[in-house]
Amino acid sequence: MGRLKKIINYLVFQYLMLKMNHELLKTKSTIRKTEVNDLMIVHYNPEVNSVENFIPSLEKSVSDPYKALNGYPPMVLVMPFGMQFSSINWDNFAEMLTYDQKKALRNALIRKQDLKIVTA
């Protein structure tokens, strides 16, 4: 049963990749690797709030002041409670960081002594 589920998941993944490719081709869009700006993750309760209701106020209260201070808007991910953000892998994530961002990350990891490695 587990093997069948993996095969089905793989076929669904392949279909979604083809669908994404079709949409990118249709809209003449592309995917490219870029430098990561500051990232903020906002978690919300989907039972209480609707995303459409608070996005405009979130943009005015968070993004606009941040842009005024730093000259560029932050990357803000809005996700329901319980959903986690993850990158493809650490090497690809680290390649997108600038020198200053790598230095800040390295210093933050050095200060954090109780890190635990979680494996899949």
PDB file of N, CA and C in Angstrom:
ATOM      1  N   MET A   1       0.823  -1.197   0.000  1.00  0.00           N
ATOM      2  CA  MET A   1       0.000   0.000   0.000  1.00  0.00           C
ATOM      3  C   MET A   1       0.862   1.252   0.000  1.00  0.00           C
ATOM      4  N   GLY A   2       1.975   1.241   0.732  1.00  0.00           N
ATOM      5  CA  GLY A   2       2.858   2.395   0.802  1.00  0.00           C
ATOM      6  C   GLY A   2       3.529   2.681  -0.527  1.00  0.00           C
ATOM      7  N   ARG A   3       3.874   1.610  -1.253  1.00  0.00           N
ATOM      8  CA  ARG A   3       4.535   1.768  -2.553  1.00  0.00           C
ATOM      9  C   ARG A   3       3.575   2.385  -3.574  1.00  0.00           C
ATOM     10  N   LEU A   4       2.321   1.966  -3.546  1.00  0.00           N
ATOM     11  CA  LEU A   4       1.320   2.514  -4.448  1.00  0.00           C
ATOM     12  C   LEU A   4       1.110   4.005  -4.182  1.00  0.00           C
ATOM     13  N   LYS A   5       1.099   4.370  -2.909  1.00  0.00           N
ATOM     14  CA  LYS A   5       0.929   5.780  -2.541  1.00  0.00           C
ATOM     15  C   LYS A   5       2.104   6.615  -3.062  1.00  0.00           C
ATOM     16  N   LYS A   6       3.320   6.074  -2.959  1.00  0.00           N
ATOM     17  CA  LYS A   6       4.495   6.786  -3.466  1.00  0.00           C
ATOM     18  C   LYS A   6       4.414   6.964  -4.974  1.00  0.00           C
ATOM     19  N   ILE A   7       3.959   5.949  -5.674  1.00  0.00           N
ATOM     20  CA  ILE A   7       3.821   6.036  -7.135  1.00  0.00           C
ATOM     21  C   ILE A   7       2.778   7.084  -7.514  1.00  0.00           C
ATOM     22  N   ILE A   8       1.661   7.078  -6.809  1.00  0.00           N
ATOM     23  CA  ILE A   8       0.609   8.061  -7.077  1.00  0.00           C
ATOM     24  C   ILE A   8       1.115   9.475  -6.780  1.00  0.00           C
ATOM     25  N   ASN A   9       1.809   9.646  -5.650  1.00  0.00           N
ATOM     26  CA  ASN A   9       2.365  10.961  -5.322  1.00  0.00           C
ATOM     27  C   ASN A   9       3.347  11.416  -6.387  1.00  0.00           C
ATOM     28  N   TYR A  10       4.153  10.509  -6.893  1.00  0.00           N
ATOM     29  CA  TYR A  10       5.118  10.853  -7.933  1.00  0.00           C
ATOM     30  C   TYR A  10       4.400  11.281  -9.214  1.00  0.00           C
ATOM     31  N   LEU A  11       3.364  10.563  -9.596  1.00  0.00           N
ATOM     32  CA  LEU A  11       2.613  10.917 -10.804  1.00  0.00           C
ATOM     33  C   LEU A  11       1.915  12.268 -10.648  1.00  0.00           C
ATOM     34  N   VAL A  12       1.378  12.524  -9.476  1.00  0.00           N
ATOM     35  CA  VAL A  12       0.760  13.833  -9.216  1.00  0.00           C
ATOM     36  C   VAL A  12       1.815  14.925  -9.293  1.00  0.00           C
ATOM     37  N   PHE A  13       2.985  14.687  -8.709  1.00  0.00           N
ATOM     38  CA  PHE A  13       4.078  15.649  -8.768  1.00  0.00           C
ATOM     39  C   PHE A  13       4.464  15.935 -10.219  1.00  0.00           C
ATOM     40  N   GLN A  14       4.615  14.894 -11.024  1.00  0.00           N
ATOM     41  CA  GLN A  14       4.965  15.071 -12.437  1.00  0.00           C
ATOM     42  C   GLN A  14       3.901  15.881 -13.169  1.00  0.00           C
ATOM     43  N   TYR A  15       2.643  15.590 -12.911  1.00  0.00           N
ATOM     44  CA  TYR A  15       1.555  16.336 -13.548  1.00  0.00           C
ATOM     45  C   TYR A  15       1.619  17.810 -13.160  1.00  0.00           C
ATOM     46  N   LEU A  16       1.828  18.088 -11.871  1.00  0.00           N
ATOM     47  CA  LEU A  16       1.884  19.482 -11.416  1.00  0.00           C
ATOM     48  C   LEU A  16       3.095  20.211 -11.994  1.00  0.00           C
ATOM     49  N   MET A  17       4.214  19.511 -12.158  1.00  0.00           N
ATOM     50  CA  MET A  17       5.388  20.134 -12.773  1.00  0.00           C
ATOM     51  C   MET A  17       5.102  20.482 -14.236  1.00  0.00           C
ATOM     52  N   LEU A  18       4.428  19.591 -14.958  1.00  0.00           N
ATOM     53  CA  LEU A  18       4.057  19.882 -16.343  1.00  0.00           C
ATOM     54  C   LEU A  18       3.070  21.043 -16.413  1.00  0.00           C
ATOM     55  N   LYS A  19       2.145  21.077 -15.481  1.00  0.00           N
ATOM     56  CA  LYS A  19       1.171  22.173 -15.430  1.00  0.00           C
ATOM     57  C   LYS A  19       1.888  23.498 -15.164  1.00  0.00           C
ATOM     58  N   MET A  20       2.844  23.505 -14.219  1.00  0.00           N
ATOM     59  CA  MET A  20       3.611  24.707 -13.930  1.00  0.00           C
ATOM     60  C   MET A  20       4.387  25.145 -15.169  1.00  0.00           C
ATOM     61  N   ASN A  21       5.021  24.186 -15.850  1.00  0.00           N
ATOM     62  CA  ASN A  21       5.783  24.491 -17.051  1.00  0.00           C
ATOM     63  C   ASN A  21       4.881  25.099 -18.118  1.00  0.00           C
ATOM     64  N   HIS A  22       3.694  24.555 -18.283  1.00  0.00           N
ATOM     65  CA  HIS A  22       2.747  25.078 -19.265  1.00  0.00           C
ATOM     66  C   HIS A  22       2.361  26.518 -18.923  1.00  0.00           C
ATOM     67  N   GLU A  23       2.063  26.785 -17.646  1.00  0.00           N
ATOM     68  CA  GLU A  23       1.687  28.134 -17.227  1.00  0.00           C
ATOM     69  C   GLU A  23       2.849  29.118 -17.413  1.00  0.00           C
ATOM     70  N   LEU A  24       4.068  28.673 -17.097  1.00  0.00           N
ATOM     71  CA  LEU A  24       5.225  29.547 -17.295  1.00  0.00           C
ATOM     72  C   LEU A  24       5.409  29.862 -18.773  1.00  0.00           C
ATOM     73  N   LEU A  25       5.231  28.868 -19.621  1.00  0.00           N
ATOM     74  CA  LEU A  25       5.367  29.068 -21.058  1.00  0.00           C
ATOM     75  C   LEU A  25       4.261  29.975 -21.593  1.00  0.00           C
ATOM     76  N   LYS A  26       3.048  29.743 -21.132  1.00  0.00           N
ATOM     77  CA  LYS A  26       1.900  30.520 -21.586  1.00  0.00           C
ATOM     78  C   LYS A  26       2.024  31.994 -21.199  1.00  0.00           C
ATOM     79  N   THR A  27       2.522  32.260 -19.993  1.00  0.00           N
ATOM     80  CA  THR A  27       2.642  33.644 -19.525  1.00  0.00           C
ATOM     81  C   THR A  27       4.014  34.242 -19.825  1.00  0.00           C
ATOM     82  N   LYS A  28       4.861  33.476 -20.508  1.00  0.00           N
ATOM     83  CA  LYS A  28       6.223  33.903 -20.843  1.00  0.00           C
ATOM     84  C   LYS A  28       6.986  34.319 -19.575  1.00  0.00           C
ATOM     85  N   SER A  29       6.803  33.530 -18.520  1.00  0.00           N
ATOM     86  CA  SER A  29       7.466  33.747 -17.242  1.00  0.00           C
ATOM     87  C   SER A  29       8.650  32.807 -17.119  1.00  0.00           C
ATOM     88  N   THR A  30       9.446  33.040 -16.112  1.00  0.00           N
ATOM     89  CA  THR A  30      10.588  32.165 -15.876  1.00  0.00           C
ATOM     90  C   THR A  30      10.847  32.073 -14.377  1.00  0.00           C
ATOM     91  N   ILE A  31      11.559  31.051 -13.999  1.00  0.00           N
ATOM     92  CA  ILE A  31      11.986  30.888 -12.605  1.00  0.00           C
ATOM     93  C   ILE A  31      13.477  31.169 -12.573  1.00  0.00           C
ATOM     94  N   ARG A  32      13.889  32.009 -11.651  1.00  0.00           N
ATOM     95  CA  ARG A  32      15.307  32.299 -11.552  1.00  0.00           C
ATOM     96  C   ARG A  32      15.713  32.387 -10.089  1.00  0.00           C
ATOM     97  N   LYS A  33      16.967  32.122  -9.849  1.00  0.00           N
ATOM     98  CA  LYS A  33      17.511  32.203  -8.503  1.00  0.00           C
ATOM     99  C   LYS A  33      17.888  33.650  -8.241  1.00  0.00           C
ATOM    100  N   THR A  34      17.432  34.199  -7.128  1.00  0.00           N
ATOM    101  CA  THR A  34      17.754  35.578  -6.786  1.00  0.00           C
ATOM    102  C   THR A  34      18.207  35.648  -5.342  1.00  0.00           C
ATOM    103  N   GLU A  35      18.751  36.782  -5.006  1.00  0.00           N
ATOM    104  CA  GLU A  35      19.196  37.030  -3.634  1.00  0.00           C
ATOM    105  C   GLU A  35      17.981  37.108  -2.716  1.00  0.00           C
ATOM    106  N   VAL A  36      18.103  36.558  -1.535  1.00  0.00           N
ATOM    107  CA  VAL A  36      17.006  36.571  -0.570  1.00  0.00           C
ATOM    108  C   VAL A  36      17.048  37.872   0.220  1.00  0.00           C
ATOM    109  N   ASN A  37      15.961  38.619   0.166  1.00  0.00           N
ATOM    110  CA  ASN A  37      15.848  39.796   1.017  1.00  0.00           C
ATOM    111  C   ASN A  37      15.346  39.337   2.375  1.00  0.00           C
ATOM    112  N   ASP A  38      15.081  40.276   3.246  1.00  0.00           N
ATOM    113  CA  ASP A  38      14.584  39.907   4.564  1.00  0.00           C
ATOM    114  C   ASP A  38      13.235  39.216   4.429  1.00  0.00           C
ATOM    115  N   LEU A  39      13.047  38.197   5.220  1.00  0.00           N
ATOM    116  CA  LEU A  39      11.875  37.341   5.128  1.00  0.00           C
ATOM    117  C   LEU A  39      11.097  37.397   6.430  1.00  0.00           C
ATOM    118  N   MET A  40       9.803  37.641   6.335  1.00  0.00           N
ATOM    119  CA  MET A  40       8.921  37.629   7.499  1.00  0.00           C
ATOM    120  C   MET A  40       7.835  36.596   7.239  1.00  0.00           C
ATOM    121  N   ILE A  41       7.504  35.835   8.256  1.00  0.00           N
ATOM    122  CA  ILE A  41       6.436  34.849   8.128  1.00  0.00           C
ATOM    123  C   ILE A  41       5.321  35.245   9.094  1.00  0.00           C
ATOM    124  N   VAL A  42       4.132  35.430   8.556  1.00  0.00           N
ATOM    125  CA  VAL A  42       2.974  35.795   9.363  1.00  0.00           C
ATOM    126  C   VAL A  42       2.057  34.582   9.403  1.00  0.00           C
ATOM    127  N   HIS A  43       1.782  34.096  10.607  1.00  0.00           N
ATOM    128  CA  HIS A  43       0.864  32.977  10.775  1.00  0.00           C
ATOM    129  C   HIS A  43      -0.500  33.523  11.195  1.00  0.00           C
ATOM    130  N   TYR A  44      -1.545  32.957  10.665  1.00  0.00           N
ATOM    131  CA  TYR A  44      -2.892  33.403  11.001  1.00  0.00           C
ATOM    132  C   TYR A  44      -3.786  32.206  11.261  1.00  0.00           C
ATOM    133  N   ASN A  45      -4.889  32.456  11.938  1.00  0.00           N
ATOM    134  CA  ASN A  45      -5.868  31.416  12.224  1.00  0.00           C
ATOM    135  C   ASN A  45      -6.911  31.424  11.117  1.00  0.00           C
ATOM    136  N   PRO A  46      -6.940  30.416  10.242  1.00  0.00           N
ATOM    137  CA  PRO A  46      -7.873  30.431   9.116  1.00  0.00           C
ATOM    138  C   PRO A  46      -9.341  30.344   9.535  1.00  0.00           C
ATOM    139  N   GLU A  47      -9.605  29.882  10.767  1.00  0.00           N
ATOM    140  CA  GLU A  47     -10.988  29.803  11.230  1.00  0.00           C
ATOM    141  C   GLU A  47     -11.522  31.172  11.623  1.00  0.00           C
ATOM    142  N   VAL A  48     -10.609  32.087  11.998  1.00  0.00           N
ATOM    143  CA  VAL A  48     -11.010  33.419  12.448  1.00  0.00           C
ATOM    144  C   VAL A  48     -10.833  34.455  11.341  1.00  0.00           C
ATOM    145  N   ASN A  49      -9.697  34.410  10.673  1.00  0.00           N
ATOM    146  CA  ASN A  49      -9.365  35.424   9.678  1.00  0.00           C
ATOM    147  C   ASN A  49      -9.393  34.850   8.273  1.00  0.00           C
ATOM    148  N   SER A  50      -9.789  35.687   7.355  1.00  0.00           N
ATOM    149  CA  SER A  50      -9.677  35.363   5.941  1.00  0.00           C
ATOM    150  C   SER A  50      -8.491  36.158   5.411  1.00  0.00           C
ATOM    151  N   VAL A  51      -7.653  35.539   4.620  1.00  0.00           N
ATOM    152  CA  VAL A  51      -6.435  36.188   4.127  1.00  0.00           C
ATOM    153  C   VAL A  51      -6.773  37.480   3.398  1.00  0.00           C
ATOM    154  N   GLU A  52      -7.819  37.464   2.606  1.00  0.00           N
ATOM    155  CA  GLU A  52      -8.190  38.638   1.822  1.00  0.00           C
ATOM    156  C   GLU A  52      -8.529  39.835   2.710  1.00  0.00           C
ATOM    157  N   ASN A  53      -8.984  39.572   3.942  1.00  0.00           N
ATOM    158  CA  ASN A  53      -9.386  40.662   4.827  1.00  0.00           C
ATOM    159  C   ASN A  53      -8.207  41.411   5.434  1.00  0.00           C
ATOM    160  N   PHE A  54      -7.117  40.713   5.761  1.00  0.00           N
ATOM    161  CA  PHE A  54      -6.058  41.406   6.477  1.00  0.00           C
ATOM    162  C   PHE A  54      -4.807  41.693   5.661  1.00  0.00           C
ATOM    163  N   ILE A  55      -4.728  41.249   4.424  1.00  0.00           N
ATOM    164  CA  ILE A  55      -3.546  41.535   3.599  1.00  0.00           C
ATOM    165  C   ILE A  55      -3.358  43.036   3.382  1.00  0.00           C
ATOM    166  N   PRO A  56      -4.401  43.811   3.025  1.00  0.00           N
ATOM    167  CA  PRO A  56      -4.176  45.253   2.839  1.00  0.00           C
ATOM    168  C   PRO A  56      -3.681  45.951   4.109  1.00  0.00           C
ATOM    169  N   SER A  57      -4.240  45.586   5.264  1.00  0.00           N
ATOM    170  CA  SER A  57      -3.786  46.218   6.505  1.00  0.00           C
ATOM    171  C   SER A  57      -2.381  45.751   6.878  1.00  0.00           C
ATOM    172  N   LEU A  58      -2.064  44.510   6.562  1.00  0.00           N
ATOM    173  CA  LEU A  58      -0.716  43.994   6.822  1.00  0.00           C
ATOM    174  C   LEU A  58       0.307  44.736   5.976  1.00  0.00           C
ATOM    175  N   GLU A  59      -0.042  45.011   4.734  1.00  0.00           N
ATOM    176  CA  GLU A  59       0.875  45.729   3.854  1.00  0.00           C
ATOM    177  C   GLU A  59       1.129  47.137   4.376  1.00  0.00           C
ATOM    178  N   LYS A  60       0.095  47.804   4.842  1.00  0.00           N
ATOM    179  CA  LYS A  60       0.264  49.161   5.355  1.00  0.00           C
ATOM    180  C   LYS A  60       1.021  49.184   6.683  1.00  0.00           C
ATOM    181  N   SER A  61       0.753  48.218   7.551  1.00  0.00           N
ATOM    182  CA  SER A  61       1.348  48.251   8.891  1.00  0.00           C
ATOM    183  C   SER A  61       2.738  47.634   8.963  1.00  0.00           C
ATOM    184  N   VAL A  62       3.104  46.735   8.050  1.00  0.00           N
ATOM    185  CA  VAL A  62       4.403  46.066   8.118  1.00  0.00           C
ATOM    186  C   VAL A  62       5.290  46.423   6.935  1.00  0.00           C
ATOM    187  N   SER A  63       4.780  46.219   5.743  1.00  0.00           N
ATOM    188  CA  SER A  63       5.603  46.355   4.554  1.00  0.00           C
ATOM    189  C   SER A  63       5.992  47.802   4.258  1.00  0.00           C
ATOM    190  N   ASP A  64       5.035  48.734   4.373  1.00  0.00           N
ATOM    191  CA  ASP A  64       5.333  50.140   4.064  1.00  0.00           C
ATOM    192  C   ASP A  64       6.384  50.741   4.991  1.00  0.00           C
ATOM    193  N   PRO A  65       6.266  50.589   6.327  1.00  0.00           N
ATOM    194  CA  PRO A  65       7.325  51.133   7.197  1.00  0.00           C
ATOM    195  C   PRO A  65       8.679  50.462   6.976  1.00  0.00           C
ATOM    196  N   TYR A  66       8.660  49.163   6.716  1.00  0.00           N
ATOM    197  CA  TYR A  66       9.914  48.451   6.478  1.00  0.00           C
ATOM    198  C   TYR A  66      10.584  48.981   5.209  1.00  0.00           C
ATOM    199  N   LYS A  67       9.783  49.224   4.185  1.00  0.00           N
ATOM    200  CA  LYS A  67      10.323  49.755   2.930  1.00  0.00           C
ATOM    201  C   LYS A  67      10.871  51.165   3.140  1.00  0.00           C
ATOM    202  N   ALA A  68      10.193  51.959   3.956  1.00  0.00           N
ATOM    203  CA  ALA A  68      10.682  53.314   4.231  1.00  0.00           C
ATOM    204  C   ALA A  68      12.023  53.279   4.965  1.00  0.00           C
ATOM    205  N   LEU A  69      12.216  52.311   5.852  1.00  0.00           N
ATOM    206  CA  LEU A  69      13.465  52.211   6.612  1.00  0.00           C
ATOM    207  C   LEU A  69      14.607  51.615   5.797  1.00  0.00           C
ATOM    208  N   ASN A  70      14.331  50.592   5.004  1.00  0.00           N
ATOM    209  CA  ASN A  70      15.394  49.845   4.328  1.00  0.00           C
ATOM    210  C   ASN A  70      15.504  50.094   2.831  1.00  0.00           C
ATOM    211  N   GLY A  71      14.509  50.745   2.236  1.00  0.00           N
ATOM    212  CA  GLY A  71      14.569  51.033   0.818  1.00  0.00           C
ATOM    213  C   GLY A  71      13.991  49.941  -0.065  1.00  0.00           C
ATOM    214  N   TYR A  72      13.601  48.821   0.495  1.00  0.00           N
ATOM    215  CA  TYR A  72      12.984  47.747  -0.275  1.00  0.00           C
ATOM    216  C   TYR A  72      11.980  47.032   0.633  1.00  0.00           C
ATOM    217  N   PRO A  73      10.941  46.492   0.054  1.00  0.00           N
ATOM    218  CA  PRO A  73       9.942  45.809   0.880  1.00  0.00           C
ATOM    219  C   PRO A  73      10.437  44.431   1.314  1.00  0.00           C
ATOM    220  N   PRO A  74       9.984  43.954   2.465  1.00  0.00           N
ATOM    221  CA  PRO A  74      10.380  42.608   2.883  1.00  0.00           C
ATOM    222  C   PRO A  74       9.585  41.561   2.115  1.00  0.00           C
ATOM    223  N   MET A  75      10.084  40.350   2.128  1.00  0.00           N
ATOM    224  CA  MET A  75       9.336  39.225   1.592  1.00  0.00           C
ATOM    225  C   MET A  75       8.478  38.715   2.750  1.00  0.00           C
ATOM    226  N   VAL A  76       7.175  38.763   2.596  1.00  0.00           N
ATOM    227  CA  VAL A  76       6.263  38.357   3.665  1.00  0.00           C
ATOM    228  C   VAL A  76       5.480  37.138   3.198  1.00  0.00           C
ATOM    229  N   LEU A  77       5.620  36.047   3.937  1.00  0.00           N
ATOM    230  CA  LEU A  77       4.839  34.839   3.663  1.00  0.00           C
ATOM    231  C   LEU A  77       3.698  34.791   4.663  1.00  0.00           C
ATOM    232  N   VAL A  78       2.490  34.594   4.164  1.00  0.00           N
ATOM    233  CA  VAL A  78       1.311  34.509   5.023  1.00  0.00           C
ATOM    234  C   VAL A  78       0.830  33.068   4.974  1.00  0.00           C
ATOM    235  N   MET A  79       0.909  32.407   6.129  1.00  0.00           N
ATOM    236  CA  MET A  79       0.571  30.982   6.191  1.00  0.00           C
ATOM    237  C   MET A  79      -0.330  30.703   7.383  1.00  0.00           C
ATOM    238  N   PRO A  80      -1.203  29.705   7.270  1.00  0.00           N
ATOM    239  CA  PRO A  80      -2.027  29.329   8.415  1.00  0.00           C
ATOM    240  C   PRO A  80      -1.181  28.715   9.532  1.00  0.00           C
ATOM    241  N   PHE A  81      -1.710  28.766  10.748  1.00  0.00           N
ATOM    242  CA  PHE A  81      -1.020  28.152  11.881  1.00  0.00           C
ATOM    243  C   PHE A  81      -0.687  26.708  11.571  1.00  0.00           C
ATOM    244  N   GLY A  82       0.476  26.259  11.999  1.00  0.00           N
ATOM    245  CA  GLY A  82       0.867  24.875  11.834  1.00  0.00           C
ATOM    246  C   GLY A  82       1.657  24.611  10.570  1.00  0.00           C
ATOM    247  N   MET A  83       1.535  25.470   9.565  1.00  0.00           N
ATOM    248  CA  MET A  83       2.300  25.276   8.337  1.00  0.00           C
ATOM    249  C   MET A  83       3.700  25.821   8.555  1.00  0.00           C
ATOM    250  N   GLN A  84       4.697  25.102   8.084  1.00  0.00           N
ATOM    251  CA  GLN A  84       6.081  25.514   8.278  1.00  0.00           C
ATOM    252  C   GLN A  84       6.712  25.865   6.947  1.00  0.00           C
ATOM    253  N   PHE A  85       7.708  26.737   7.016  1.00  0.00           N
ATOM    254  CA  PHE A  85       8.451  27.152   5.841  1.00  0.00           C
ATOM    255  C   PHE A  85       9.722  26.326   5.751  1.00  0.00           C
ATOM    256  N   SER A  86      10.042  25.849   4.570  1.00  0.00           N
ATOM    257  CA  SER A  86      11.288  25.115   4.409  1.00  0.00           C
ATOM    258  C   SER A  86      11.891  25.434   3.052  1.00  0.00           C
ATOM    259  N   SER A  87      13.188  25.272   2.953  1.00  0.00           N
ATOM    260  CA  SER A  87      13.913  25.512   1.710  1.00  0.00           C
ATOM    261  C   SER A  87      14.218  24.168   1.067  1.00  0.00           C
ATOM    262  N   ILE A  88      14.667  24.206  -0.176  1.00  0.00           N
ATOM    263  CA  ILE A  88      14.997  22.961  -0.875  1.00  0.00           C
ATOM    264  C   ILE A  88      16.112  22.236  -0.126  1.00  0.00           C
ATOM    265  N   ASN A  89      17.207  22.913   0.092  1.00  0.00           N
ATOM    266  CA  ASN A  89      18.273  22.373   0.927  1.00  0.00           C
ATOM    267  C   ASN A  89      19.156  23.527   1.384  1.00  0.00           C
ATOM    268  N   TRP A  90      20.000  23.276   2.364  1.00  0.00           N
ATOM    269  CA  TRP A  90      20.803  24.348   2.958  1.00  0.00           C
ATOM    270  C   TRP A  90      21.805  24.932   1.978  1.00  0.00           C
ATOM    271  N   ASP A  91      22.375  24.100   1.109  1.00  0.00           N
ATOM    272  CA  ASP A  91      23.364  24.613   0.160  1.00  0.00           C
ATOM    273  C   ASP A  91      22.746  25.623  -0.799  1.00  0.00           C
ATOM    274  N   ASN A  92      21.581  25.277  -1.355  1.00  0.00           N
ATOM    275  CA  ASN A  92      20.914  26.215  -2.258  1.00  0.00           C
ATOM    276  C   ASN A  92      20.467  27.470  -1.533  1.00  0.00           C
ATOM    277  N   PHE A  93      19.994  27.309  -0.304  1.00  0.00           N
ATOM    278  CA  PHE A  93      19.586  28.475   0.485  1.00  0.00           C
ATOM    279  C   PHE A  93      20.785  29.377   0.751  1.00  0.00           C
ATOM    280  N   ALA A  94      21.913  28.786   1.123  1.00  0.00           N
ATOM    281  CA  ALA A  94      23.108  29.582   1.443  1.00  0.00           C
ATOM    282  C   ALA A  94      23.663  30.275   0.208  1.00  0.00           C
ATOM    283  N   GLU A  95      23.510  29.678  -0.974  1.00  0.00           N
ATOM    284  CA  GLU A  95      23.990  30.306  -2.203  1.00  0.00           C
ATOM    285  C   GLU A  95      23.256  31.604  -2.509  1.00  0.00           C
ATOM    286  N   MET A  96      22.014  31.728  -2.055  1.00  0.00           N
ATOM    287  CA  MET A  96      21.224  32.912  -2.355  1.00  0.00           C
ATOM    288  C   MET A  96      21.500  34.072  -1.396  1.00  0.00           C
ATOM    289  N   LEU A  97      22.213  33.801  -0.315  1.00  0.00           N
ATOM    290  CA  LEU A  97      22.473  34.846   0.663  1.00  0.00           C
ATOM    291  C   LEU A  97      23.660  35.702   0.255  1.00  0.00           C
ATOM    292  N   THR A  98      23.591  36.989   0.632  1.00  0.00           N
ATOM    293  CA  THR A  98      24.736  37.864   0.398  1.00  0.00           C
ATOM    294  C   THR A  98      25.785  37.587   1.463  1.00  0.00           C
ATOM    295  N   TYR A  99      26.942  38.197   1.321  1.00  0.00           N
ATOM    296  CA  TYR A  99      28.016  38.004   2.296  1.00  0.00           C
ATOM    297  C   TYR A  99      27.559  38.431   3.691  1.00  0.00           C
ATOM    298  N   ASP A 100      26.913  39.590   3.789  1.00  0.00           N
ATOM    299  CA  ASP A 100      26.460  40.077   5.096  1.00  0.00           C
ATOM    300  C   ASP A 100      25.400  39.169   5.707  1.00  0.00           C
ATOM    301  N   GLN A 101      24.509  38.638   4.867  1.00  0.00           N
ATOM    302  CA  GLN A 101      23.486  37.732   5.380  1.00  0.00           C
ATOM    303  C   GLN A 101      24.102  36.426   5.854  1.00  0.00           C
ATOM    304  N   LYS A 102      25.108  35.916   5.132  1.00  0.00           N
ATOM    305  CA  LYS A 102      25.802  34.700   5.565  1.00  0.00           C
ATOM    306  C   LYS A 102      26.516  34.933   6.890  1.00  0.00           C
ATOM    307  N   LYS A 103      27.148  36.090   7.019  1.00  0.00           N
ATOM    308  CA  LYS A 103      27.862  36.427   8.253  1.00  0.00           C
ATOM    309  C   LYS A 103      26.885  36.515   9.426  1.00  0.00           C
ATOM    310  N   ALA A 104      25.734  37.160   9.216  1.00  0.00           N
ATOM    311  CA  ALA A 104      24.732  37.282  10.275  1.00  0.00           C
ATOM    312  C   ALA A 104      24.182  35.913  10.654  1.00  0.00           C
ATOM    313  N   LEU A 105      23.929  35.056   9.661  1.00  0.00           N
ATOM    314  CA  LEU A 105      23.436  33.707   9.939  1.00  0.00           C
ATOM    315  C   LEU A 105      24.469  32.902  10.715  1.00  0.00           C
ATOM    316  N   ARG A 106      25.732  32.986  10.303  1.00  0.00           N
ATOM    317  CA  ARG A 106      26.806  32.267  10.984  1.00  0.00           C
ATOM    318  C   ARG A 106      26.909  32.722  12.447  1.00  0.00           C
ATOM    319  N   ASN A 107      26.857  34.022  12.676  1.00  0.00           N
ATOM    320  CA  ASN A 107      26.952  34.544  14.045  1.00  0.00           C
ATOM    321  C   ASN A 107      25.752  34.111  14.887  1.00  0.00           C
ATOM    322  N   ALA A 108      24.567  34.097  14.277  1.00  0.00           N
ATOM    323  CA  ALA A 108      23.376  33.665  15.014  1.00  0.00           C
ATOM    324  C   ALA A 108      23.470  32.193  15.386  1.00  0.00           C
ATOM    325  N   LEU A 109      23.997  31.367  14.481  1.00  0.00           N
ATOM    326  CA  LEU A 109      24.135  29.936  14.778  1.00  0.00           C
ATOM    327  C   LEU A 109      25.188  29.690  15.855  1.00  0.00           C
ATOM    328  N   ILE A 110      26.239  30.486  15.852  1.00  0.00           N
ATOM    329  CA  ILE A 110      27.274  30.346  16.878  1.00  0.00           C
ATOM    330  C   ILE A 110      26.712  30.695  18.254  1.00  0.00           C
ATOM    331  N   ARG A 111      25.874  31.738  18.315  1.00  0.00           N
ATOM    332  CA  ARG A 111      25.280  32.150  19.598  1.00  0.00           C
ATOM    333  C   ARG A 111      24.282  31.121  20.114  1.00  0.00           C
ATOM    334  N   LYS A 112      23.689  30.350  19.213  1.00  0.00           N
ATOM    335  CA  LYS A 112      22.681  29.372  19.602  1.00  0.00           C
ATOM    336  C   LYS A 112      23.363  28.050  19.925  1.00  0.00           C
ATOM    337  N   GLN A 113      23.456  27.690  21.186  1.00  0.00           N
ATOM    338  CA  GLN A 113      24.185  26.491  21.601  1.00  0.00           C
ATOM    339  C   GLN A 113      23.307  25.237  21.659  1.00  0.00           C
ATOM    340  N   ASP A 114      21.984  25.404  21.728  1.00  0.00           N
ATOM    341  CA  ASP A 114      21.115  24.251  21.941  1.00  0.00           C
ATOM    342  C   ASP A 114      20.410  23.795  20.663  1.00  0.00           C
ATOM    343  N   LEU A 115      21.082  23.928  19.521  1.00  0.00           N
ATOM    344  CA  LEU A 115      20.494  23.485  18.257  1.00  0.00           C
ATOM    345  C   LEU A 115      20.443  21.965  18.192  1.00  0.00           C
ATOM    346  N   LYS A 116      19.359  21.451  17.655  1.00  0.00           N
ATOM    347  CA  LYS A 116      19.210  20.018  17.474  1.00  0.00           C
ATOM    348  C   LYS A 116      18.994  19.758  15.987  1.00  0.00           C
ATOM    349  N   ILE A 117      19.654  18.761  15.459  1.00  0.00           N
ATOM    350  CA  ILE A 117      19.517  18.412  14.045  1.00  0.00           C
ATOM    351  C   ILE A 117      18.339  17.471  13.904  1.00  0.00           C
ATOM    352  N   VAL A 118      17.392  17.827  13.026  1.00  0.00           N
ATOM    353  CA  VAL A 118      16.203  17.026  12.797  1.00  0.00           C
ATOM    354  C   VAL A 118      16.339  16.398  11.429  1.00  0.00           C
ATOM    355  N   THR A 119      16.191  15.081  11.362  1.00  0.00           N
ATOM    356  CA  THR A 119      16.279  14.396  10.084  1.00  0.00           C
ATOM    357  C   THR A 119      14.887  13.943   9.659  1.00  0.00           C
ATOM    358  N   ALA A 120      14.726  13.776   8.371  1.00  0.00           N
ATOM    359  CA  ALA A 120      13.411  13.368   7.847  1.00  0.00           C
ATOM    360  C   ALA A 120      13.166  11.901   8.132  1.00  0.00           C
TER     361      ALA A 120
END
